C-alpha atoms as a PDB file:
ATOM      1  CA  MET A   1       3.304 -12.100 105.433  1.00  0.00           C
ATOM      2  CA  VAL A   2       5.786 -12.119 108.338  1.00  0.00           C
ATOM      3  CA  VAL A   3       4.484 -10.783 111.640  1.00  0.00           C
ATOM      4  CA  ALA A   4       7.081  -8.915 113.689  1.00  0.00           C
ATOM      5  CA  MET A   5       7.656 -10.235 117.189  1.00  0.00           C
ATOM      6  CA  GLU A   6       7.950  -7.902 120.164  1.00  0.00           C
ATOM      7  CA  PHE A   7      11.683  -7.531 120.801  1.00  0.00           C
ATOM      8  CA  THR A   8      11.344  -7.074 124.554  1.00  0.00           C
ATOM      9  CA  TYR A   9       9.207  -8.551 127.283  1.00  0.00           C
ATOM     10  CA  ARG A  10       8.166  -5.908 129.798  1.00  0.00           C
ATOM     11  CA  ARG A  11       5.991  -5.620 132.857  1.00  0.00           C
ATOM     12  CA  GLU A  12       4.942  -2.748 135.047  1.00  0.00           C
ATOM     13  CA  GLY A  13       6.560  -2.833 138.464  1.00  0.00           C
ATOM     14  CA  HIS A  14       4.470  -1.890 141.458  1.00  0.00           C
ATOM     15  CA  ARG A  15       7.310  -0.597 143.602  1.00  0.00           C
ATOM     16  CA  ALA A  16       9.397   2.555 143.779  1.00  0.00           C
ATOM     17  CA  PHE A  17      12.498   2.560 141.555  1.00  0.00           C
ATOM     18  CA  PRO A  18      15.062   1.611 144.268  1.00  0.00           C
ATOM     19  CA  GLU A  19      12.861  -1.245 145.510  1.00  0.00           C
ATOM     20  CA  MET A  20      12.383  -2.468 141.937  1.00  0.00           C
ATOM     21  CA  LEU A  21      16.172  -2.674 141.521  1.00  0.00           C
ATOM     22  CA  GLU A  22      16.357  -4.823 144.649  1.00  0.00           C
ATOM     23  CA  ALA A  23      13.481  -7.001 143.387  1.00  0.00           C
ATOM     24  CA  VAL A  24      15.294  -7.619 140.091  1.00  0.00           C
ATOM     25  CA  GLU A  25      18.500  -8.637 141.864  1.00  0.00           C
ATOM     26  CA  ARG A  26      16.516 -10.922 144.174  1.00  0.00           C
ATOM     27  CA  SER A  27      14.681 -12.511 141.221  1.00  0.00           C
ATOM     28  CA  VAL A  28      17.947 -13.132 139.389  1.00  0.00           C
ATOM     29  CA  ARG A  29      19.437 -14.949 142.403  1.00  0.00           C
ATOM     30  CA  LEU A  30      16.225 -16.945 143.010  1.00  0.00           C
ATOM     31  CA  HIS A  31      16.424 -18.277 139.450  1.00  0.00           C
ATOM     32  CA  GLY A  32      20.038 -19.387 139.839  1.00  0.00           C
ATOM     33  CA  PHE A  33      21.694 -16.590 137.882  1.00  0.00           C
ATOM     34  CA  ASP A  34      23.986 -13.723 138.820  1.00  0.00           C
ATOM     35  CA  VAL A  35      24.092 -10.007 138.101  1.00  0.00           C
ATOM     36  CA  VAL A  36      27.375  -9.900 136.190  1.00  0.00           C
ATOM     37  CA  ARG A  37      27.320  -6.108 135.761  1.00  0.00           C
ATOM     38  CA  ARG A  38      24.987  -3.264 136.728  1.00  0.00           C
ATOM     39  CA  HIS A  39      25.014  -0.115 134.600  1.00  0.00           C
ATOM     40  CA  ASP A  40      23.402   2.972 136.142  1.00  0.00           C
ATOM     41  CA  LEU A  41      22.983   4.989 132.964  1.00  0.00           C
ATOM     42  CA  GLN A  42      21.311   7.896 134.730  1.00  0.00           C
ATOM     43  CA  ALA A  43      24.359   8.349 137.012  1.00  0.00           C
ATOM     44  CA  THR A  44      26.855   7.827 134.190  1.00  0.00           C
ATOM     45  CA  LEU A  45      25.202  10.423 131.976  1.00  0.00           C
ATOM     46  CA  ALA A  46      24.659  12.855 134.875  1.00  0.00           C
ATOM     47  CA  ALA A  47      28.433  12.825 135.421  1.00  0.00           C
ATOM     48  CA  LYS A  48      28.751  14.071 131.836  1.00  0.00           C
ATOM     49  CA  GLY A  49      26.102  16.770 132.243  1.00  0.00           C
ATOM     50  CA  PHE A  50      23.102  14.933 130.760  1.00  0.00           C
ATOM     51  CA  VAL A  51      19.865  14.544 132.645  1.00  0.00           C
ATOM     52  CA  ILE A  52      17.709  11.470 131.967  1.00  0.00           C
ATOM     53  CA  ARG A  53      15.070   9.534 133.867  1.00  0.00           C
ATOM     54  CA  PRO A  54      16.229   6.609 136.008  1.00  0.00           C
ATOM     55  CA  LEU A  55      17.593   3.750 133.879  1.00  0.00           C
ATOM     56  CA  VAL A  56      19.608   0.754 135.070  1.00  0.00           C
ATOM     57  CA  VAL A  57      20.713  -2.128 132.846  1.00  0.00           C
ATOM     58  CA  PHE A  58      21.637  -5.461 134.408  1.00  0.00           C
ATOM     59  CA  ASP A  59      23.853  -7.963 132.601  1.00  0.00           C
ATOM     60  CA  ILE A  60      22.530 -11.330 133.748  1.00  0.00           C
ATOM     61  CA  GLY A  61      24.568 -14.509 133.494  1.00  0.00           C
ATOM     62  CA  ILE A  62      26.360 -17.242 135.338  1.00  0.00           C
ATOM     63  CA  SER A  63      29.369 -15.859 137.178  1.00  0.00           C
ATOM     64  CA  ASP A  64      31.789 -18.639 136.206  1.00  0.00           C
ATOM     65  CA  THR A  65      31.187 -18.088 132.482  1.00  0.00           C
ATOM     66  CA  SER A  66      32.235 -15.146 130.388  1.00  0.00           C
ATOM     67  CA  SER A  67      28.955 -14.710 128.533  1.00  0.00           C
ATOM     68  CA  ASP A  68      25.862 -12.763 129.496  1.00  0.00           C
ATOM     69  CA  LEU A  69      22.607 -14.641 129.126  1.00  0.00           C
ATOM     70  CA  CYS A  70      20.440 -11.551 128.873  1.00  0.00           C
ATOM     71  CA  LYS A  71      20.079  -7.912 129.755  1.00  0.00           C
ATOM     72  CA  MET A  72      17.323  -6.669 132.033  1.00  0.00           C
ATOM     73  CA  HIS A  73      16.307  -3.021 132.186  1.00  0.00           C
ATOM     74  CA  VAL A  74      14.619  -1.053 134.937  1.00  0.00           C
ATOM     75  CA  TYR A  75      13.419   2.377 133.892  1.00  0.00           C
ATOM     76  CA  SER A  76      10.716   4.908 134.583  1.00  0.00           C
ATOM     77  CA  GLU A  77       8.195   6.525 132.292  1.00  0.00           C
ATOM     78  CA  GLY A  78       6.320   9.171 134.206  1.00  0.00           C
ATOM     79  CA  ASP A  79       5.226   7.622 137.495  1.00  0.00           C
ATOM     80  CA  ILE A  80       5.505   4.035 136.220  1.00  0.00           C
ATOM     81  CA  VAL A  81       8.553   1.836 136.792  1.00  0.00           C
ATOM     82  CA  TRP A  82       9.061  -0.814 134.103  1.00  0.00           C
ATOM     83  CA  VAL A  83      11.134  -3.990 134.065  1.00  0.00           C
ATOM     84  CA  SER A  84      12.017  -5.375 130.657  1.00  0.00           C
ATOM     85  CA  ALA A  85      14.366  -7.822 129.015  1.00  0.00           C
ATOM     86  CA  ILE A  86      15.348  -8.603 125.457  1.00  0.00           C
ATOM     87  CA  ARG A  87      13.483 -11.733 124.367  1.00  0.00           C
ATOM     88  CA  PRO A  88      15.991 -14.442 123.353  1.00  0.00           C
ATOM     89  CA  VAL A  89      13.680 -15.848 120.668  1.00  0.00           C
ATOM     90  CA  ALA A  90      13.240 -12.417 119.066  1.00  0.00           C
ATOM     91  CA  LEU A  91      16.975 -11.706 119.215  1.00  0.00           C
ATOM     92  CA  LEU A  92      17.908 -15.054 117.678  1.00  0.00           C
ATOM     93  CA  GLN A  93      15.225 -14.636 115.021  1.00  0.00           C
ATOM     94  CA  GLU A  94      16.702 -11.240 114.073  1.00  0.00           C
ATOM     95  CA  MET A  95      20.130 -12.860 113.869  1.00  0.00           C
ATOM     96  CA  GLY A  96      18.784 -15.571 111.557  1.00  0.00           C
ATOM     97  CA  VAL A  97      19.343 -18.423 114.004  1.00  0.00           C
ATOM     98  CA  ALA A  98      16.940 -21.239 113.188  1.00  0.00           C
ATOM     99  CA  ASP A  99      17.101 -23.070 116.542  1.00  0.00           C
ATOM    100  CA  GLN A 100      15.431 -20.829 119.097  1.00  0.00           C
ATOM    101  CA  PRO A 101      15.422 -22.409 122.566  1.00  0.00           C
ATOM    102  CA  ALA A 102      12.059 -22.036 124.279  1.00  0.00           C
ATOM    103  CA  GLU A 103      13.631 -22.584 127.711  1.00  0.00           C
ATOM    104  CA  ALA A 104      15.713 -19.407 127.355  1.00  0.00           C
ATOM    105  CA  GLU A 105      12.556 -17.456 126.565  1.00  0.00           C
ATOM    106  CA  ALA A 106      10.764 -19.002 129.546  1.00  0.00           C
ATOM    107  CA  SER A 107      13.663 -18.093 131.866  1.00  0.00           C
ATOM    108  CA  VAL A 108      13.618 -14.440 130.798  1.00  0.00           C
ATOM    109  CA  VAL A 109       9.840 -14.218 131.239  1.00  0.00           C
ATOM    110  CA  ALA A 110      10.121 -15.855 134.683  1.00  0.00           C
ATOM    111  CA  LEU A 111      12.856 -13.403 135.762  1.00  0.00           C
ATOM    112  CA  VAL A 112      10.775 -10.367 134.794  1.00  0.00           C
ATOM    113  CA  ASP A 113       7.521 -11.764 136.190  1.00  0.00           C
ATOM    114  CA  SER A 114       9.158 -12.711 139.484  1.00  0.00           C
ATOM    115  CA  ALA A 115      10.704  -9.258 139.904  1.00  0.00           C
ATOM    116  CA  CYS A 116       7.327  -7.607 139.287  1.00  0.00           C
ATOM    117  CA  ALA A 117       5.274  -9.955 141.484  1.00  0.00           C
END
C-alpha cells in the first residue's frame, strides 16, 4: 500500500495579512533566495470582477537563474492567515523522479517556518 504524502507544507501565521507578506519576503532574503515574482491573485481577479479572499503567490528562486525553486502562498481562511509551499519531495515523487533531494525539502520548510515565527 502506498501512503500519499501531503503535497504542501503549511503553517498558520500569527500576523495580519500585509505583515505576513512582509515576513515571507524577509524570510526569503534571510535564506539567501529572492522573490522572482509576486502574484496578487486577489487584485488580478478583482480587476476582472471576481471577488476572492486575499491570496498572494511568490515565485522563489535565485535572481541570476531563470528557474524558480519553489512557490510560496499566503492566503486567508476566515480569520486565519496561512503560509504554504509546495513540498519539493512530494512534487518530484508525483513526477516520478527517483532522486529526491532532502536539502530542498529542508529549505522550503525553513522558509515557511521562519516566515511564521
